[in-house]
N, C-alpha and C. Protein backbone atom coordinates (compact mmCIF):
# COMPACT_ATOMS: atom_id res chain seq x y z
N MET A 1 8.95 18.16 27.75
CA MET A 1 9.35 16.78 27.76
C MET A 1 9.54 16.23 26.35
N ILE A 2 8.54 16.44 25.46
CA ILE A 2 8.70 15.88 24.12
C ILE A 2 9.68 16.71 23.32
N GLY A 3 10.35 16.02 22.44
CA GLY A 3 11.29 16.68 21.54
C GLY A 3 10.65 16.89 20.18
N ARG A 4 11.48 16.80 19.18
CA ARG A 4 10.99 17.10 17.84
C ARG A 4 10.08 16.02 17.31
N LEU A 5 9.28 16.39 16.32
CA LEU A 5 8.43 15.44 15.62
C LEU A 5 9.34 14.53 14.81
N ASN A 6 9.34 13.24 15.10
CA ASN A 6 10.19 12.30 14.38
C ASN A 6 9.54 11.89 13.07
N HIS A 7 8.25 11.54 13.12
CA HIS A 7 7.54 11.18 11.89
C HIS A 7 6.04 11.22 12.08
N VAL A 8 5.36 11.29 10.94
CA VAL A 8 3.92 11.11 10.86
C VAL A 8 3.70 9.79 10.14
N ALA A 9 2.96 8.87 10.74
CA ALA A 9 2.72 7.56 10.15
C ALA A 9 1.39 7.56 9.41
N ILE A 10 1.43 7.05 8.19
CA ILE A 10 0.23 6.96 7.35
C ILE A 10 0.00 5.50 7.00
N ALA A 11 -1.18 5.01 7.31
CA ALA A 11 -1.56 3.64 6.96
C ALA A 11 -2.01 3.60 5.51
N THR A 12 -1.58 2.56 4.82
CA THR A 12 -1.94 2.38 3.41
C THR A 12 -2.02 0.90 3.10
N LYS A 13 -2.86 0.55 2.14
CA LYS A 13 -2.96 -0.84 1.71
C LYS A 13 -1.76 -1.26 0.86
N ASP A 14 -1.08 -0.27 0.26
CA ASP A 14 0.03 -0.57 -0.67
C ASP A 14 1.13 0.47 -0.49
N ALA A 15 2.14 0.13 0.32
CA ALA A 15 3.22 1.08 0.62
C ALA A 15 4.05 1.40 -0.62
N ILE A 16 4.20 0.45 -1.53
CA ILE A 16 5.00 0.71 -2.74
C ILE A 16 4.29 1.75 -3.61
N ALA A 17 2.99 1.57 -3.82
CA ALA A 17 2.23 2.54 -4.61
C ALA A 17 2.25 3.91 -3.94
N ALA A 18 2.08 3.93 -2.62
CA ALA A 18 2.09 5.20 -1.89
C ALA A 18 3.46 5.86 -1.98
N SER A 19 4.53 5.06 -1.88
CA SER A 19 5.87 5.64 -1.94
C SER A 19 6.16 6.25 -3.31
N LYS A 20 5.59 5.67 -4.36
CA LYS A 20 5.78 6.23 -5.71
C LYS A 20 5.18 7.64 -5.80
N ILE A 21 4.08 7.86 -5.12
CA ILE A 21 3.47 9.20 -5.13
C ILE A 21 4.43 10.21 -4.52
N TYR A 22 5.01 9.86 -3.37
CA TYR A 22 5.94 10.78 -2.71
C TYR A 22 7.22 10.96 -3.52
N ARG A 23 7.72 9.87 -4.11
CA ARG A 23 8.97 9.94 -4.88
C ARG A 23 8.75 10.60 -6.24
N ASP A 24 7.79 10.09 -7.02
CA ASP A 24 7.63 10.53 -8.40
C ASP A 24 6.87 11.83 -8.54
N THR A 25 5.89 12.06 -7.71
CA THR A 25 5.09 13.28 -7.82
C THR A 25 5.70 14.43 -7.03
N LEU A 26 6.14 14.14 -5.80
CA LEU A 26 6.64 15.20 -4.93
C LEU A 26 8.16 15.31 -4.91
N GLY A 27 8.85 14.32 -5.46
CA GLY A 27 10.31 14.38 -5.53
C GLY A 27 11.03 14.07 -4.24
N ALA A 28 10.38 13.35 -3.34
CA ALA A 28 10.99 13.04 -2.04
C ALA A 28 11.90 11.81 -2.14
N LYS A 29 12.85 11.73 -1.22
CA LYS A 29 13.70 10.55 -1.08
C LYS A 29 12.91 9.50 -0.29
N VAL A 30 12.83 8.29 -0.84
CA VAL A 30 12.01 7.23 -0.25
C VAL A 30 12.87 6.00 0.00
N SER A 31 12.72 5.38 1.17
CA SER A 31 13.48 4.17 1.50
C SER A 31 12.86 2.95 0.82
N ALA A 32 13.58 1.86 0.85
CA ALA A 32 13.04 0.58 0.41
C ALA A 32 12.06 0.08 1.47
N PRO A 33 11.10 -0.75 1.09
CA PRO A 33 10.19 -1.34 2.08
C PRO A 33 10.95 -2.29 3.01
N VAL A 34 10.60 -2.25 4.29
CA VAL A 34 11.24 -3.12 5.27
C VAL A 34 10.15 -3.82 6.08
N PRO A 35 10.05 -5.15 5.97
CA PRO A 35 9.08 -5.87 6.80
C PRO A 35 9.48 -5.77 8.28
N GLN A 36 8.49 -5.53 9.12
CA GLN A 36 8.69 -5.44 10.57
C GLN A 36 7.76 -6.46 11.22
N PRO A 37 8.11 -7.76 11.15
CA PRO A 37 7.18 -8.79 11.63
C PRO A 37 6.78 -8.65 13.09
N ASP A 38 7.65 -8.12 13.93
CA ASP A 38 7.30 -7.94 15.34
C ASP A 38 6.16 -6.95 15.54
N HIS A 39 5.97 -6.08 14.55
CA HIS A 39 4.93 -5.05 14.63
C HIS A 39 3.79 -5.30 13.64
N GLY A 40 3.93 -6.32 12.80
CA GLY A 40 2.87 -6.65 11.86
C GLY A 40 2.72 -5.67 10.72
N VAL A 41 3.82 -5.00 10.35
CA VAL A 41 3.76 -4.01 9.28
C VAL A 41 4.99 -4.09 8.37
N THR A 42 4.84 -3.53 7.20
CA THR A 42 5.97 -3.20 6.35
C THR A 42 6.06 -1.69 6.36
N THR A 43 7.28 -1.16 6.54
CA THR A 43 7.46 0.29 6.60
C THR A 43 8.26 0.79 5.41
N VAL A 44 7.91 1.98 4.99
CA VAL A 44 8.67 2.75 4.01
C VAL A 44 8.78 4.15 4.60
N PHE A 45 9.99 4.71 4.61
CA PHE A 45 10.16 6.06 5.14
C PHE A 45 10.40 7.05 4.01
N VAL A 46 9.65 8.13 4.08
CA VAL A 46 9.81 9.26 3.17
C VAL A 46 10.59 10.30 3.96
N GLU A 47 11.79 10.63 3.48
CA GLU A 47 12.64 11.56 4.21
C GLU A 47 12.38 12.99 3.74
N LEU A 48 12.15 13.86 4.70
CA LEU A 48 11.92 15.28 4.44
C LEU A 48 12.99 16.08 5.17
N PRO A 49 13.19 17.33 4.81
CA PRO A 49 14.25 18.11 5.48
C PRO A 49 14.06 18.24 6.99
N ASN A 50 12.81 18.25 7.47
CA ASN A 50 12.58 18.51 8.90
C ASN A 50 11.94 17.34 9.65
N THR A 51 11.56 16.27 8.95
CA THR A 51 10.94 15.11 9.61
C THR A 51 10.84 13.98 8.60
N LYS A 52 10.05 12.96 8.92
CA LYS A 52 9.83 11.83 8.01
C LYS A 52 8.34 11.51 7.98
N ILE A 53 7.95 10.84 6.92
CA ILE A 53 6.63 10.21 6.85
C ILE A 53 6.89 8.72 6.82
N GLU A 54 6.19 7.99 7.66
CA GLU A 54 6.31 6.54 7.71
C GLU A 54 5.06 5.95 7.06
N LEU A 55 5.24 5.27 5.95
CA LEU A 55 4.13 4.59 5.30
C LEU A 55 4.04 3.19 5.90
N LEU A 56 2.86 2.82 6.36
CA LEU A 56 2.64 1.54 7.04
C LEU A 56 1.69 0.69 6.22
N GLU A 57 2.15 -0.48 5.82
CA GLU A 57 1.31 -1.45 5.11
C GLU A 57 1.14 -2.66 6.02
N PRO A 58 -0.08 -3.21 6.11
CA PRO A 58 -0.25 -4.39 6.96
C PRO A 58 0.59 -5.56 6.50
N LEU A 59 1.12 -6.28 7.45
CA LEU A 59 1.89 -7.49 7.19
C LEU A 59 1.08 -8.63 7.81
N GLY A 60 0.09 -9.11 7.08
CA GLY A 60 -0.80 -10.16 7.57
C GLY A 60 -2.11 -9.61 8.07
N ASP A 61 -3.06 -10.52 8.23
CA ASP A 61 -4.42 -10.15 8.63
C ASP A 61 -4.53 -9.69 10.08
N ASN A 62 -3.58 -10.08 10.92
CA ASN A 62 -3.63 -9.70 12.33
C ASN A 62 -2.90 -8.39 12.62
N SER A 63 -2.44 -7.74 11.59
CA SER A 63 -1.73 -6.47 11.75
C SER A 63 -2.65 -5.41 12.34
N PRO A 64 -2.13 -4.59 13.26
CA PRO A 64 -2.95 -3.47 13.74
C PRO A 64 -3.30 -2.50 12.61
N ILE A 65 -2.49 -2.48 11.57
CA ILE A 65 -2.78 -1.60 10.43
C ILE A 65 -3.93 -2.17 9.61
N ALA A 66 -4.04 -3.50 9.52
CA ALA A 66 -5.18 -4.11 8.83
C ALA A 66 -6.48 -3.70 9.52
N LYS A 67 -6.47 -3.71 10.83
CA LYS A 67 -7.66 -3.31 11.59
C LYS A 67 -7.97 -1.83 11.36
N PHE A 68 -6.94 -1.00 11.33
CA PHE A 68 -7.12 0.43 11.07
C PHE A 68 -7.73 0.62 9.68
N LEU A 69 -7.23 -0.12 8.68
CA LEU A 69 -7.72 0.02 7.30
C LEU A 69 -9.14 -0.50 7.13
N GLU A 70 -9.58 -1.42 7.99
CA GLU A 70 -10.98 -1.85 7.95
C GLU A 70 -11.89 -0.67 8.26
N LYS A 71 -11.47 0.16 9.21
CA LYS A 71 -12.26 1.33 9.59
C LYS A 71 -12.02 2.52 8.67
N ASN A 72 -10.84 2.55 8.03
CA ASN A 72 -10.44 3.66 7.15
C ASN A 72 -9.92 3.07 5.84
N PRO A 73 -10.80 2.59 4.96
CA PRO A 73 -10.37 1.84 3.78
C PRO A 73 -9.47 2.62 2.82
N ASN A 74 -9.51 3.92 2.86
CA ASN A 74 -8.63 4.72 1.99
C ASN A 74 -7.30 5.02 2.64
N GLY A 75 -7.08 4.54 3.87
CA GLY A 75 -5.86 4.85 4.60
C GLY A 75 -6.00 6.16 5.33
N GLY A 76 -4.89 6.64 5.86
CA GLY A 76 -4.90 7.91 6.56
C GLY A 76 -3.85 7.97 7.64
N VAL A 77 -3.83 9.09 8.35
CA VAL A 77 -2.85 9.28 9.42
C VAL A 77 -3.13 8.27 10.53
N HIS A 78 -2.12 7.51 10.88
CA HIS A 78 -2.25 6.49 11.92
C HIS A 78 -1.74 6.98 13.27
N HIS A 79 -0.55 7.62 13.28
CA HIS A 79 -0.02 8.15 14.53
C HIS A 79 1.03 9.22 14.28
N LEU A 80 1.34 9.94 15.35
CA LEU A 80 2.42 10.92 15.37
C LEU A 80 3.50 10.39 16.29
N CYS A 81 4.75 10.56 15.91
CA CYS A 81 5.86 10.09 16.74
C CYS A 81 6.73 11.28 17.16
N PHE A 82 6.91 11.41 18.48
CA PHE A 82 7.74 12.45 19.05
C PHE A 82 8.96 11.82 19.73
N GLU A 83 10.07 12.50 19.68
CA GLU A 83 11.28 12.03 20.34
C GLU A 83 11.29 12.44 21.81
N VAL A 84 11.85 11.57 22.64
CA VAL A 84 12.06 11.87 24.06
C VAL A 84 13.48 11.46 24.41
N GLY A 85 14.03 12.08 25.43
CA GLY A 85 15.39 11.77 25.84
C GLY A 85 15.54 10.42 26.52
N ASP A 86 14.56 10.05 27.33
CA ASP A 86 14.61 8.81 28.10
C ASP A 86 13.23 8.18 28.07
N ILE A 87 13.10 7.05 27.41
CA ILE A 87 11.78 6.42 27.23
C ILE A 87 11.16 5.98 28.54
N TYR A 88 11.98 5.52 29.50
CA TYR A 88 11.44 5.08 30.78
C TYR A 88 10.95 6.26 31.61
N GLU A 89 11.71 7.34 31.59
CA GLU A 89 11.26 8.56 32.28
C GLU A 89 9.97 9.07 31.66
N ALA A 90 9.90 9.06 30.32
CA ALA A 90 8.70 9.51 29.62
C ALA A 90 7.50 8.62 29.98
N ARG A 91 7.72 7.31 29.98
CA ARG A 91 6.64 6.38 30.33
C ARG A 91 6.12 6.65 31.74
N ASP A 92 7.05 6.77 32.68
CA ASP A 92 6.65 6.99 34.07
C ASP A 92 5.93 8.32 34.24
N ARG A 93 6.39 9.32 33.53
CA ARG A 93 5.74 10.64 33.60
C ARG A 93 4.33 10.58 33.01
N MET A 94 4.19 9.87 31.90
CA MET A 94 2.87 9.75 31.27
C MET A 94 1.91 9.00 32.18
N LYS A 95 2.38 7.93 32.81
CA LYS A 95 1.54 7.18 33.75
C LYS A 95 1.12 8.07 34.91
N ALA A 96 2.07 8.84 35.45
CA ALA A 96 1.77 9.73 36.57
C ALA A 96 0.74 10.80 36.19
N LYS A 97 0.72 11.18 34.92
CA LYS A 97 -0.23 12.18 34.44
C LYS A 97 -1.58 11.56 34.06
N GLY A 98 -1.66 10.21 34.15
CA GLY A 98 -2.92 9.53 33.87
C GLY A 98 -3.08 9.06 32.43
N ALA A 99 -2.04 9.17 31.62
CA ALA A 99 -2.12 8.72 30.23
C ALA A 99 -2.08 7.19 30.18
N THR A 100 -2.76 6.62 29.21
CA THR A 100 -2.80 5.17 29.04
C THR A 100 -1.71 4.75 28.06
N ILE A 101 -0.82 3.88 28.52
CA ILE A 101 0.22 3.30 27.67
C ILE A 101 -0.39 2.04 27.07
N THR A 102 -0.31 1.88 25.75
CA THR A 102 -0.90 0.69 25.13
C THR A 102 -0.02 -0.53 25.37
N GLY A 103 -0.60 -1.70 25.12
CA GLY A 103 0.15 -2.95 25.29
C GLY A 103 0.51 -3.20 26.74
N SER A 104 1.69 -3.77 26.94
CA SER A 104 2.13 -4.13 28.30
C SER A 104 2.60 -2.92 29.10
N GLY A 105 2.83 -1.81 28.43
CA GLY A 105 3.37 -0.63 29.10
C GLY A 105 4.88 -0.58 29.10
N GLU A 106 5.48 -1.67 28.66
CA GLU A 106 6.94 -1.72 28.56
C GLU A 106 7.39 -1.28 27.18
N PRO A 107 8.49 -0.52 27.09
CA PRO A 107 9.00 -0.11 25.78
C PRO A 107 9.34 -1.33 24.91
N ARG A 108 9.10 -1.18 23.62
CA ARG A 108 9.48 -2.18 22.62
C ARG A 108 10.43 -1.51 21.64
N ILE A 109 11.14 -2.30 20.88
CA ILE A 109 12.03 -1.75 19.87
C ILE A 109 11.19 -1.44 18.63
N GLY A 110 11.26 -0.18 18.18
CA GLY A 110 10.48 0.27 17.03
C GLY A 110 11.22 0.10 15.72
N ALA A 111 10.65 0.67 14.67
CA ALA A 111 11.17 0.53 13.31
C ALA A 111 12.55 1.13 13.12
N HIS A 112 12.93 2.09 13.97
CA HIS A 112 14.26 2.70 13.88
C HIS A 112 15.28 2.00 14.76
N GLY A 113 14.87 0.89 15.39
CA GLY A 113 15.78 0.17 16.28
C GLY A 113 15.94 0.82 17.64
N LYS A 114 15.02 1.70 18.00
CA LYS A 114 15.08 2.41 19.28
C LYS A 114 13.84 2.07 20.10
N PRO A 115 13.93 2.19 21.43
CA PRO A 115 12.77 1.89 22.27
C PRO A 115 11.63 2.89 22.04
N VAL A 116 10.41 2.35 22.00
CA VAL A 116 9.21 3.16 21.81
C VAL A 116 8.10 2.71 22.74
N ILE A 117 7.18 3.62 23.00
CA ILE A 117 5.91 3.30 23.64
C ILE A 117 4.83 4.04 22.86
N PHE A 118 3.60 3.56 22.98
CA PHE A 118 2.45 4.21 22.35
C PHE A 118 1.48 4.65 23.43
N LEU A 119 0.91 5.84 23.23
CA LEU A 119 -0.06 6.41 24.14
C LEU A 119 -1.44 6.35 23.48
N HIS A 120 -2.43 5.90 24.23
CA HIS A 120 -3.75 5.65 23.70
C HIS A 120 -4.40 6.94 23.17
N PRO A 121 -5.06 6.83 22.00
CA PRO A 121 -5.69 8.01 21.39
C PRO A 121 -6.76 8.66 22.26
N LYS A 122 -7.41 7.90 23.13
CA LYS A 122 -8.48 8.49 23.95
C LYS A 122 -7.95 9.60 24.85
N ASP A 123 -6.64 9.57 25.14
CA ASP A 123 -6.05 10.58 26.02
C ASP A 123 -5.43 11.74 25.25
N PHE A 124 -5.41 11.66 23.91
CA PHE A 124 -4.70 12.66 23.10
C PHE A 124 -5.52 13.09 21.90
N VAL A 125 -6.73 13.56 22.19
CA VAL A 125 -7.62 14.14 21.18
C VAL A 125 -7.83 13.20 19.99
N GLY A 126 -7.93 11.91 20.27
CA GLY A 126 -8.19 10.94 19.22
C GLY A 126 -6.99 10.55 18.38
N THR A 127 -5.79 10.94 18.80
CA THR A 127 -4.58 10.66 18.03
C THR A 127 -3.67 9.70 18.78
N LEU A 128 -3.30 8.60 18.13
CA LEU A 128 -2.32 7.68 18.69
C LEU A 128 -0.97 8.38 18.69
N ILE A 129 -0.28 8.36 19.82
CA ILE A 129 1.02 9.02 19.95
C ILE A 129 2.09 7.96 20.22
N GLU A 130 3.17 8.03 19.46
CA GLU A 130 4.34 7.18 19.70
C GLU A 130 5.43 8.07 20.29
N LEU A 131 6.05 7.59 21.35
CA LEU A 131 7.23 8.26 21.90
C LEU A 131 8.41 7.36 21.62
N GLU A 132 9.47 7.95 21.04
CA GLU A 132 10.66 7.19 20.66
C GLU A 132 11.87 7.82 21.35
N GLN A 133 12.68 6.98 21.97
CA GLN A 133 13.90 7.48 22.61
C GLN A 133 14.86 7.99 21.53
N ALA A 134 15.30 9.23 21.68
CA ALA A 134 16.20 9.83 20.69
C ALA A 134 17.62 9.34 20.87
């Protein structure tokens, strides 16, 4: 059902500083920061030949990333994102398998402008999973 790994999301207090590490130290291509107010984050994408890294900086105190950083003050891996062909089919299949869809359970538009859902970490070995329609 799942397709390729779309990105690994890393929470950070400072996406610009983090992006400099990937750009200046590792030589990666890095996007400009983009505020995502609907999600409470600013995103920066590090493009790699086979996937991306999404740097997530909190956008306000109510950001889910701010809460994550309270528990993990140095930052860290926040979630893995996998591509799926049909987000509604994926959602229904996950529900049928007993997986917990976070939020309302309805797909939302993610940072790439495509529908996404998130699967609760308790069902996936402690890892938050994002499914994004390819």
